[in-house]
Structure formats: C-alpha cells, structure tokens
Amino acid sequence: MRIFYSLITVLLMALMTLFTSCEKEEDAGNVELVAVPVTISVADFRSSVYIQEPKEIEQAGKIYVYKNFVFINDVNRGVHIIDNSNPENPQKIKYLKIPQNTDVAIKGDMLFANSGMDLVVFDISDVNNIRQQERLEDVFENYQPSTPVGAAFVDTENLDFQKEVIIGYVLERRKIEMVRDDRMIMAAESFNSSASGDASTGTGGSMARFNIKDKFLYVVGNQSLSVFDISSLSSPEYISTDYIGWQIETIFNQDDYLYLGSSAGMYIYSIEDPLTPAFVSRLQHVLGCDPVVVDGDMAYVTIRGGNECGQSWSQLQVIDVADKQNPELLATYEMDSPYGLGVKDDLLFVCDGDSGLKIYDKTQSPGLTLTDHFQDINTYDVIPLEEVLLMVGDDILHQYSYADNNIRLLSSFSLE
C-alpha cells in the first residue's frame, strides 16, 4: 500500500512539474519586448528650437552644401553648420537644435528643415545671427522615430497624438495577454535634395527626402509626396500631400521629373505642372533600401539588403530612363552594403558602407569600370561638386579633390 501511495505521489509530482513547465513555456512565449514612448507636449516640442555654439555630433545623417558651408544632420537632433571655405581645414561654426530633424534644403539664404510633423524656416543670410523665420504646423505625416531594434511593437495605448510628441522610447519586457489593436502600432518611418542648376539653391546628397525645383519644395514621407510653394522664401505655402506608395525613401530631380526611390522600386513623376506632380511610371525591383540619382538618360540605383531593408544581398542597378513611360533595367552590379551615390561628368561614386567609396568610369554606361576604391572607411552619402567631392560616414566628413580625374584626399574632419 505504501508503495502504491509512493507511486501516486511520484506521478502527481511529475504531472505538476509537466504543467508548471508548460505554463512557463507558455508564459515565455507571451513575453515580448515593447517600445514605450517617451513624450513631451506639442507646445514644448515646438518651442525647443535653438541656435547654439558648435558641439559634438551624435549620429551623422544627411549632408547638404550651400555656398561655402556644409550642413550635416545630427539624426533627430539638429543640424551642424561647417565653414568649408578651406576644404583642407573645415571648421564648425554653429549648431541648430531642431528636434526630430533629418533633412534640410536651402534657397536664397532660407533654410527649410523638418521638425517632426512641422516645416521650419530659418534665415541664414548671417550665419552668426541665424533667425527662425516661419513654422508651418502639421504639414507632414504623423511623425514617430523609428522603432527600436528588437521591439515587437510600440505601445501607444495612453498616447494622445493631438497633445504629445514622441521623442524616444524605453524598452520593456511584458507578458502580452490581449490581442494587439490600433492602440499598439508599429512606428512609422522617420523622415530621412539633389543638385539644382539654380546657383541660389544648395546641393543635397542622394539620401535626401527634400528637393527644391525653381519655386517649389518637394518632400517625400514614408508614403507621400508633399508640395510647398516657396515663391516667398520666408513665408512658404503648403499646397498638398498625396499618397505615393509604400516605404518611399529618397527624391531626386532632373529637368521636369522627380525620381523617387522606395524599398520596392523607382517611381517617376512629372512636374511639368509643378503644383500637381503626376505619376508617370514605376520600375519594380527586389526589396531593398534604395536611393537613386539620374544623369542624362541613365538612372543609377543602389539596393541595400539585410536587416529591415529586405533580402540578404545588395546591388547597383543601371536603368535606362530615356522613355519615362517604360524605364528599363540594363545592368546589375553586386555590392556589399551600398548607401548613397553621386555622379560627376564621367564618374559615378558609390558609398558601399564599410566596404568604402567605389569610383566607376561610366562613359560606356550601362557598362561600368571600377577605376578607384578607397577602402578601410565607412561611407554613407556623397556630394560631387565642381572641384571637390564631399562624403560623410562614421561621423567623419571626408573631402577629395578630383582635378583631371586624379582623386586625392584633402581632409578627414571628425564631427565628434
């Protein structure tokens, strides 16, 4: 009898252990990493723009050139202004603190910058006395910083988007016991200009979401294209925002066309009527982060794979855009992890991430010949000017001279 009760006890203990184990596994399966928003009031957000003395950069983003100045975005924080009168010895001179800023464009000494959901305008005619000139409120998509890596979702259950602005996140592990609803949403992509023939307009890199064409400013959001009339530079007028497609990333202008890079393809829009951009065509490609530049009848597109961008491999594509209605992929080149790119005369410059800066002869395009390769540097975006090439990567501004196609390093300026 004792043996019988002992067996029963053992069996009961075993069953209890099994159920406990199952419960733990079930609990573990329901525990997720949740991004909890850190917020400030809309009023405080809009009053937190300041002109400050130079400071160290935290995360270099987009690059923009105007006259003898270089403007480098500190991702989601503001803009560093560098005096580049002497490319061999650049100097930091000012810092614009602009919360949730990722892009700028400049025309006639007026700097246009995104600040979350707003467009802010600065008078930079005197860089020692910069003044905020205008602020157009709620003209961009409902801005949220990118979801932290590893987070399953963003918990916005107690967030009032009319009164609060997300400025960051705190990660928490939580047991999820309810079905996610519209109060628990994935964060939207953040705002991430190209060359213009107008001497009063600056020049941006290929990763830009801002572009100025004549009297109009075009801005792409994650799914949209916005138009602003900047005839009165100090008082721009918001015109419209139209849905474009999924995960729009970059914008480039040539002649009367806008070329929009997305994670799934290249869009071409006509701006023959600058107030109402009109869809012309779309060339679909494999999923990947995608900036585009255009030179003549050829478009050059880098497609970066991995992580949130899509497949695991990366490419440089050459596309014939002579027929805007029917763009045609002509050639593909394997890359490691490409970001921005730029064209100047017969040269194509490609920032291939940790694999460095690659320089191609494109005279026989779509056939490209690698002519130079600056390795052992991290590269993000590049702007080829008349005599100097500017490139930013790993919080360093590199500048090269390419007189007579002889590429040589002029300076490497740490932004920290």
Protein backbone atom coordinates (compact mmCIF):
# COMPACT_ATOMS: atom_id res chain seq x y z
CA MET A 1 0.00 0.00 0.00
CA ARG A 2 2.82 2.36 0.87
CA ILE A 3 4.40 1.51 -2.44
CA PHE A 4 1.12 2.34 -4.21
CA TYR A 5 0.85 5.76 -2.48
CA SER A 6 4.51 6.44 -3.25
CA LEU A 7 3.87 5.73 -6.93
CA ILE A 8 0.84 8.02 -6.90
CA THR A 9 2.89 10.76 -5.25
CA VAL A 10 5.64 10.43 -7.83
CA LEU A 11 3.11 10.55 -10.68
CA LEU A 12 1.40 13.62 -9.22
CA MET A 13 4.73 15.40 -8.80
CA ALA A 14 5.66 14.52 -12.35
CA LEU A 15 2.34 15.88 -13.67
CA MET A 16 2.73 19.06 -11.62
CA THR A 17 6.24 19.53 -12.99
CA LEU A 18 4.94 18.99 -16.52
CA PHE A 19 2.13 21.51 -16.12
CA THR A 20 4.46 24.02 -14.46
CA SER A 21 6.93 23.59 -17.30
CA CYS A 22 4.17 24.10 -19.88
CA GLU A 23 2.97 27.21 -18.08
CA LYS A 24 6.50 28.62 -18.02
CA GLU A 25 6.94 27.87 -21.71
CA GLU A 26 3.56 29.45 -22.44
CA ASP A 27 4.45 32.48 -20.33
CA ALA A 28 7.81 32.78 -22.04
CA GLY A 29 6.11 32.60 -25.40
CA ASN A 30 3.87 35.54 -24.50
CA VAL A 31 6.65 37.80 -23.26
CA GLU A 32 7.62 40.42 -25.83
CA LEU A 33 9.91 43.43 -25.96
CA VAL A 34 7.67 46.50 -26.09
CA ALA A 35 8.72 50.06 -27.02
CA VAL A 36 7.09 52.52 -24.60
CA PRO A 37 7.09 56.11 -25.97
CA VAL A 38 8.86 58.93 -24.14
CA THR A 39 6.92 62.11 -24.90
CA ILE A 40 6.81 65.86 -24.43
CA SER A 41 3.92 68.21 -25.06
CA VAL A 42 3.45 69.61 -28.56
CA ALA A 43 3.92 73.12 -27.17
CA ASP A 44 7.26 72.24 -25.54
CA PHE A 45 8.37 70.41 -28.69
CA ARG A 46 7.71 73.43 -30.88
CA SER A 47 9.50 75.80 -28.51
CA SER A 48 12.67 73.70 -28.26
CA VAL A 49 14.45 75.02 -31.37
CA TYR A 50 17.69 76.83 -30.53
CA ILE A 51 20.73 78.27 -32.30
CA GLN A 52 23.77 77.09 -30.37
CA GLU A 53 27.54 77.08 -30.47
CA PRO A 54 29.31 74.11 -32.12
CA LYS A 55 29.08 70.74 -30.38
CA GLU A 56 29.99 67.11 -30.99
CA ILE A 57 27.79 65.14 -33.33
CA GLU A 58 25.98 62.07 -32.01
CA GLN A 59 24.90 60.40 -35.27
CA ALA A 60 25.73 61.90 -38.65
CA GLY A 61 22.93 61.74 -41.18
CA LYS A 62 22.20 63.67 -44.39
CA ILE A 63 24.70 66.10 -45.90
CA TYR A 64 23.91 69.35 -47.72
CA VAL A 65 26.11 72.04 -49.31
CA TYR A 66 25.29 75.73 -49.78
CA LYS A 67 27.85 78.33 -50.82
CA ASN A 68 30.94 77.74 -48.64
CA PHE A 69 29.01 75.92 -45.93
CA VAL A 70 28.34 72.26 -45.24
CA PHE A 71 25.24 71.28 -43.29
CA ILE A 72 25.26 67.87 -41.63
CA ASN A 73 22.21 66.44 -39.94
CA ASP A 74 22.57 65.00 -36.44
CA VAL A 75 19.82 62.39 -36.77
CA ASN A 76 16.62 63.51 -34.98
CA ARG A 77 18.53 66.23 -33.11
CA GLY A 78 19.50 69.09 -35.40
CA VAL A 79 21.98 70.45 -37.93
CA HIS A 80 25.70 71.17 -37.67
CA ILE A 81 26.99 74.07 -39.78
CA ILE A 82 30.58 73.88 -41.04
CA ASP A 83 32.58 76.65 -42.70
CA ASN A 84 34.16 74.93 -45.68
CA SER A 85 35.91 77.93 -47.24
CA ASN A 86 39.08 75.87 -46.99
CA PRO A 87 38.24 72.19 -47.70
CA GLU A 88 41.58 71.18 -46.25
CA ASN A 89 40.66 72.77 -42.91
CA PRO A 90 36.88 72.88 -42.32
CA GLN A 91 35.58 74.49 -39.12
CA LYS A 92 32.39 74.02 -37.12
CA ILE A 93 30.67 77.35 -36.55
CA LYS A 94 27.06 76.78 -35.39
CA TYR A 95 24.57 74.14 -34.35
CA LEU A 96 20.83 74.32 -34.98
CA LYS A 97 18.97 72.31 -32.39
CA ILE A 98 15.88 71.07 -34.24
CA PRO A 99 14.15 68.12 -32.56
CA GLN A 100 13.25 65.24 -34.91
CA ASN A 101 15.11 66.78 -37.84
CA THR A 102 16.58 64.64 -40.59
CA ASP A 103 16.58 66.83 -43.73
CA VAL A 104 17.31 70.34 -44.95
CA ALA A 105 17.16 72.25 -48.22
CA ILE A 106 18.28 75.82 -48.88
CA LYS A 107 17.35 78.53 -51.37
CA GLY A 108 18.17 82.24 -51.26
CA ASP A 109 19.61 82.12 -47.73
CA MET A 110 16.49 80.43 -46.37
CA LEU A 111 16.96 77.00 -44.80
CA PHE A 112 13.98 74.64 -44.80
CA ALA A 113 14.05 71.83 -42.23
CA ASN A 114 11.63 69.21 -40.98
CA SER A 115 10.93 69.07 -37.27
CA GLY A 116 8.67 66.11 -36.75
CA MET A 117 5.31 66.99 -38.24
CA ASP A 118 6.29 70.61 -38.96
CA LEU A 119 8.32 72.55 -41.53
CA VAL A 120 10.64 75.16 -40.01
CA VAL A 121 12.28 78.01 -41.96
CA PHE A 122 15.49 79.80 -40.92
CA ASP A 123 17.14 82.93 -42.27
CA ILE A 124 20.84 82.06 -42.59
CA SER A 125 21.95 85.17 -44.50
CA ASP A 126 24.17 85.89 -41.48
CA VAL A 127 25.36 82.58 -40.00
CA ASN A 128 26.37 84.41 -36.84
CA ASN A 129 22.82 85.67 -36.41
CA ILE A 130 20.53 82.88 -37.61
CA ARG A 131 16.82 83.53 -37.04
CA GLN A 132 13.79 81.26 -37.15
CA GLN A 133 11.54 82.84 -39.76
CA GLU A 134 8.48 80.61 -40.04
CA ARG A 135 6.92 77.36 -38.87
CA LEU A 136 4.24 75.51 -40.81
CA GLU A 137 2.50 73.15 -38.41
CA ASP A 138 1.18 69.64 -39.09
CA VAL A 139 2.20 69.50 -42.75
CA PHE A 140 3.98 66.14 -42.64
CA GLU A 141 2.89 62.60 -41.85
CA ASN A 142 2.33 61.78 -38.20
CA TYR A 143 6.00 61.54 -37.29
CA GLN A 144 7.36 58.87 -34.98
CA PRO A 145 11.02 57.92 -34.51
CA SER A 146 11.96 54.53 -35.94
CA THR A 147 11.01 51.53 -33.80
CA PRO A 148 13.95 50.40 -31.62
CA VAL A 149 15.70 47.26 -32.81
CA GLY A 150 14.19 44.16 -31.21
CA ALA A 151 10.88 45.76 -30.23
CA ALA A 152 7.81 43.78 -31.28
CA PHE A 153 5.63 46.89 -31.36
CA VAL A 154 5.10 50.37 -29.93
CA ASP A 155 2.54 50.70 -27.16
CA THR A 156 0.59 53.90 -27.83
CA GLU A 157 -2.43 52.97 -25.71
CA ASN A 158 -2.14 56.01 -23.45
CA LEU A 159 -0.76 58.43 -26.04
CA ASP A 160 -2.69 61.49 -27.20
CA PHE A 161 -1.26 62.37 -30.61
CA GLN A 162 -3.00 65.75 -30.53
CA LYS A 163 -1.13 66.87 -27.43
CA GLU A 164 2.07 64.79 -27.28
CA VAL A 165 5.12 64.15 -29.45
CA ILE A 166 7.27 61.02 -29.20
CA ILE A 167 10.94 61.89 -28.70
CA GLY A 168 12.24 58.42 -27.86
CA TYR A 169 11.43 55.02 -26.42
CA VAL A 170 12.03 52.90 -23.33
CA LEU A 171 12.13 49.15 -23.92
CA GLU A 172 10.17 46.91 -21.55
CA ARG A 173 9.56 43.16 -21.41
CA ARG A 174 5.88 42.43 -20.98
CA LYS A 175 3.61 39.43 -20.91
CA ILE A 176 1.07 40.09 -23.65
CA GLU A 177 -2.39 38.84 -22.66
CA MET A 178 -4.54 40.63 -25.21
CA VAL A 179 -4.73 40.92 -28.95
CA ARG A 180 -2.90 43.97 -30.25
CA ASP A 181 -5.28 46.63 -31.53
CA ASP A 182 -4.95 50.01 -33.17
CA ARG A 183 -3.52 51.46 -29.96
CA MET A 184 -0.43 49.29 -30.35
CA ILE A 185 1.08 50.26 -33.66
CA MET A 186 4.34 49.89 -35.45
CA ALA A 187 6.23 53.17 -35.55
CA ALA A 188 6.27 55.00 -38.85
CA GLU A 189 9.47 55.60 -40.78
CA SER A 190 11.16 58.86 -39.91
CA PHE A 191 11.97 61.50 -42.43
CA ASN A 192 15.07 60.55 -43.81
CA SER A 193 17.66 67.07 -52.36
CA SER A 194 19.54 66.73 -55.19
CA ALA A 195 21.55 69.12 -57.33
CA SER A 196 19.89 72.08 -58.98
CA GLY A 197 21.04 74.38 -61.71
CA ASP A 198 19.95 77.39 -59.65
CA ALA A 199 23.02 78.98 -58.06
CA SER A 200 20.90 80.26 -55.17
CA THR A 201 19.90 76.70 -54.26
CA GLY A 202 22.08 74.28 -52.32
CA THR A 203 23.02 70.73 -53.20
CA GLY A 204 21.99 67.64 -51.26
CA GLY A 205 23.03 64.02 -51.37
CA SER A 206 21.17 61.05 -52.82
CA MET A 207 19.72 60.00 -49.45
CA ALA A 208 17.63 63.19 -49.22
CA ARG A 209 13.86 63.49 -48.86
CA PHE A 210 13.85 67.24 -49.61
CA ASN A 211 14.25 68.69 -53.11
CA ILE A 212 13.93 72.25 -54.40
CA LYS A 213 13.00 72.87 -58.04
CA ASP A 214 12.62 76.51 -59.02
CA LYS A 215 9.91 77.97 -56.76
CA PHE A 216 8.78 74.72 -55.22
CA LEU A 217 9.90 72.44 -52.41
CA TYR A 218 9.09 68.74 -52.75
CA VAL A 219 9.24 66.45 -49.72
CA VAL A 220 8.69 62.70 -49.58
CA GLY A 221 7.39 60.98 -46.47
CA ASN A 222 7.10 57.28 -45.86
CA GLN A 223 4.09 57.03 -48.18
CA SER A 224 3.58 60.52 -49.55
CA LEU A 225 4.79 63.44 -51.66
CA SER A 226 4.20 66.96 -50.31
CA VAL A 227 4.41 70.20 -52.30
CA PHE A 228 5.24 73.68 -50.97
CA ASP A 229 5.23 76.95 -52.88
CA ILE A 230 8.36 78.83 -51.78
CA SER A 231 7.96 81.85 -54.08
CA SER A 232 8.03 83.87 -50.88
CA LEU A 233 11.05 82.21 -49.29
CA SER A 234 10.40 83.46 -45.78
CA SER A 235 6.70 82.50 -45.92
CA PRO A 236 6.29 79.19 -47.78
CA GLU A 237 2.80 77.99 -48.60
CA TYR A 238 1.72 74.39 -48.08
CA ILE A 239 0.00 73.13 -51.25
CA SER A 240 -0.79 69.44 -50.94
CA THR A 241 0.18 65.95 -49.83
CA ASP A 242 -0.63 62.92 -51.96
CA TYR A 243 -0.26 59.22 -51.34
CA ILE A 244 2.55 57.69 -53.44
CA GLY A 245 3.24 54.16 -52.29
CA TRP A 246 4.86 52.04 -49.63
CA GLN A 247 8.17 52.99 -47.95
CA ILE A 248 9.24 55.94 -50.07
CA GLU A 249 12.83 56.79 -49.13
CA THR A 250 14.54 59.33 -51.40
CA ILE A 251 13.90 62.02 -54.02
CA PHE A 252 15.98 63.25 -56.96
CA ASN A 253 15.17 65.82 -59.62
CA GLN A 254 16.30 66.13 -63.23
CA ASP A 255 14.62 68.54 -65.63
CA ASP A 256 10.84 68.23 -65.22
CA TYR A 257 10.83 64.88 -63.47
CA LEU A 258 11.12 63.61 -59.90
CA TYR A 259 12.67 60.20 -59.31
CA LEU A 260 11.52 58.64 -56.05
CA GLY A 261 13.33 55.70 -54.51
CA SER A 262 11.33 53.21 -52.47
CA SER A 263 12.07 49.86 -50.87
CA ALA A 264 10.30 48.12 -53.74
CA GLY A 265 11.09 50.21 -56.80
CA MET A 266 11.71 53.56 -58.51
CA TYR A 267 8.84 55.95 -59.22
CA ILE A 268 8.93 58.66 -61.88
CA TYR A 269 6.69 61.74 -61.51
CA SER A 270 6.30 64.59 -63.95
CA ILE A 271 6.41 68.13 -62.54
CA GLU A 272 5.65 69.84 -65.82
CA ASP A 273 2.85 71.31 -63.74
CA PRO A 274 4.90 71.96 -60.58
CA LEU A 275 1.83 72.30 -58.37
CA THR A 276 0.49 68.85 -59.18
CA PRO A 277 3.14 66.13 -59.65
CA ALA A 278 1.75 63.44 -61.95
CA PHE A 279 2.62 59.75 -61.84
CA VAL A 280 4.42 58.57 -64.99
CA SER A 281 5.75 55.08 -64.27
CA ARG A 282 7.24 52.70 -61.76
CA LEU A 283 10.06 50.18 -62.16
CA GLN A 284 9.76 47.44 -59.55
CA HIS A 285 12.83 45.79 -58.05
CA VAL A 286 13.63 43.37 -55.24
CA LEU A 287 13.08 44.65 -51.71
CA GLY A 288 15.92 46.85 -50.51
CA CYS A 289 16.74 50.35 -49.24
CA ASP A 290 17.01 52.45 -52.36
CA PRO A 291 18.44 55.88 -53.27
CA VAL A 292 18.55 56.96 -56.92
CA VAL A 293 20.48 59.54 -58.99
CA VAL A 294 19.99 60.36 -62.65
CA ASP A 295 22.43 61.57 -65.30
CA GLY A 296 21.07 62.13 -68.78
CA ASP A 297 19.11 59.06 -69.84
CA MET A 298 20.61 56.81 -67.18
CA ALA A 299 19.44 56.29 -63.60
CA TYR A 300 21.71 54.66 -61.04
CA VAL A 301 20.10 52.90 -58.08
CA THR A 302 21.71 51.21 -55.08
CA ILE A 303 19.68 48.49 -53.38
CA ARG A 304 20.85 47.58 -49.89
CA GLY A 305 19.68 44.30 -48.43
CA GLY A 306 19.76 42.90 -44.92
CA ASN A 307 18.06 43.92 -41.67
CA GLU A 308 14.89 45.92 -42.31
CA CYS A 309 15.74 46.50 -45.96
CA GLY A 310 14.76 43.15 -47.46
CA GLN A 311 16.75 40.29 -48.97
CA SER A 312 20.30 39.49 -47.86
CA TRP A 313 22.15 40.68 -50.97
CA SER A 314 22.84 44.14 -52.39
CA GLN A 315 23.13 45.66 -55.86
CA LEU A 316 23.90 48.67 -58.01
CA GLN A 317 21.45 48.90 -60.92
CA VAL A 318 21.72 50.89 -64.16
CA ILE A 319 18.36 51.87 -65.65
CA ASP A 320 17.54 53.47 -69.00
CA VAL A 321 15.03 56.29 -68.37
CA ALA A 322 15.01 57.79 -71.86
CA ASP A 323 11.42 56.60 -72.19
CA LYS A 324 9.89 57.82 -68.94
CA GLN A 325 6.84 55.66 -69.51
CA ASN A 326 8.92 52.49 -69.79
CA PRO A 327 12.17 52.58 -67.77
CA GLU A 328 14.35 49.55 -68.49
CA LEU A 329 16.87 47.78 -66.28
CA LEU A 330 20.08 47.38 -68.32
CA ALA A 331 22.75 46.14 -65.90
CA THR A 332 23.27 44.96 -62.33
CA TYR A 333 26.45 45.03 -60.23
CA GLU A 334 26.91 43.23 -56.92
CA MET A 335 27.61 45.39 -53.87
CA ASP A 336 28.28 44.73 -50.20
CA SER A 337 26.13 47.28 -48.36
CA PRO A 338 25.54 50.37 -50.53
CA TYR A 339 24.04 53.65 -49.35
CA GLY A 340 24.30 56.96 -51.23
CA LEU A 341 25.77 57.65 -54.65
CA GLY A 342 26.54 60.57 -56.93
CA VAL A 343 27.54 61.42 -60.50
CA LYS A 344 30.00 63.97 -61.88
CA ASP A 345 30.91 64.09 -65.58
CA ASP A 346 32.22 60.63 -66.48
CA LEU A 347 32.39 59.38 -62.89
CA LEU A 348 29.96 57.51 -60.66
CA PHE A 349 30.65 57.50 -56.91
CA VAL A 350 29.10 54.76 -54.75
CA CYS A 351 29.17 54.66 -50.94
CA ASP A 352 29.37 50.92 -50.21
CA GLY A 353 29.10 51.10 -46.42
CA ASP A 354 32.05 49.52 -44.62
CA SER A 355 33.49 48.49 -47.98
CA GLY A 356 34.40 52.10 -48.68
CA LEU A 357 33.99 54.53 -51.56
CA LYS A 358 33.92 52.99 -55.06
CA ILE A 359 34.55 55.12 -58.14
CA TYR A 360 33.42 54.00 -61.59
CA ASP A 361 34.03 55.25 -65.12
CA LYS A 362 30.55 55.41 -66.67
CA THR A 363 31.48 56.58 -70.18
CA GLN A 364 30.32 53.22 -71.55
CA SER A 365 27.22 53.05 -69.35
CA PRO A 366 25.49 50.69 -68.69
CA GLY A 367 28.96 49.18 -68.68
CA LEU A 368 30.83 50.45 -65.61
CA THR A 369 34.56 50.17 -64.91
CA LEU A 370 35.88 50.39 -61.35
CA THR A 371 38.72 52.92 -61.50
CA ASP A 372 39.39 53.59 -57.83
CA HIS A 373 38.43 52.20 -54.45
CA PHE A 374 39.02 53.94 -51.11
CA GLN A 375 38.82 51.13 -48.59
CA ASP A 376 39.01 50.97 -44.79
CA ILE A 377 36.47 53.80 -44.38
CA ASN A 378 32.77 53.78 -43.60
CA THR A 379 30.69 55.60 -46.21
CA TYR A 380 27.09 56.89 -46.09
CA ASP A 381 26.45 59.64 -48.64
CA VAL A 382 28.39 61.70 -51.15
CA ILE A 383 28.07 65.04 -52.97
CA PRO A 384 30.25 65.64 -56.06
CA LEU A 385 30.80 69.38 -56.54
CA GLU A 386 32.74 71.09 -59.33
CA GLU A 387 36.19 70.56 -57.82
CA VAL A 388 35.64 68.78 -54.53
CA LEU A 389 33.89 65.58 -53.53
CA LEU A 390 32.31 65.56 -50.07
CA MET A 391 31.50 62.29 -48.33
CA VAL A 392 30.16 61.57 -44.86
CA GLY A 393 30.41 58.31 -42.96
CA ASP A 394 31.08 57.12 -39.41
CA ASP A 395 30.78 60.72 -38.13
CA ILE A 396 33.64 61.90 -40.36
CA LEU A 397 33.47 64.38 -43.25
CA HIS A 398 35.92 63.30 -45.97
CA GLN A 399 36.79 65.63 -48.84
CA TYR A 400 38.56 64.71 -52.07
CA SER A 401 39.92 66.67 -55.00
CA TYR A 402 39.36 65.18 -58.43
CA ALA A 403 41.06 67.65 -60.72
CA ASP A 404 41.92 65.95 -64.04
CA ASN A 405 40.25 62.77 -62.67
CA ASN A 406 43.10 62.42 -60.18
CA ILE A 407 41.32 61.57 -56.91
CA ARG A 408 43.21 62.59 -53.77
CA LEU A 409 42.17 63.08 -50.15
CA LEU A 410 42.10 66.70 -48.98
CA SER A 411 40.90 66.24 -45.41
CA SER A 412 39.12 63.94 -42.96
CA PHE A 413 37.27 66.06 -40.43
CA SER A 414 35.92 64.40 -37.31
CA LEU A 415 32.45 65.66 -36.39
CA GLU A 416 32.77 64.44 -32.80
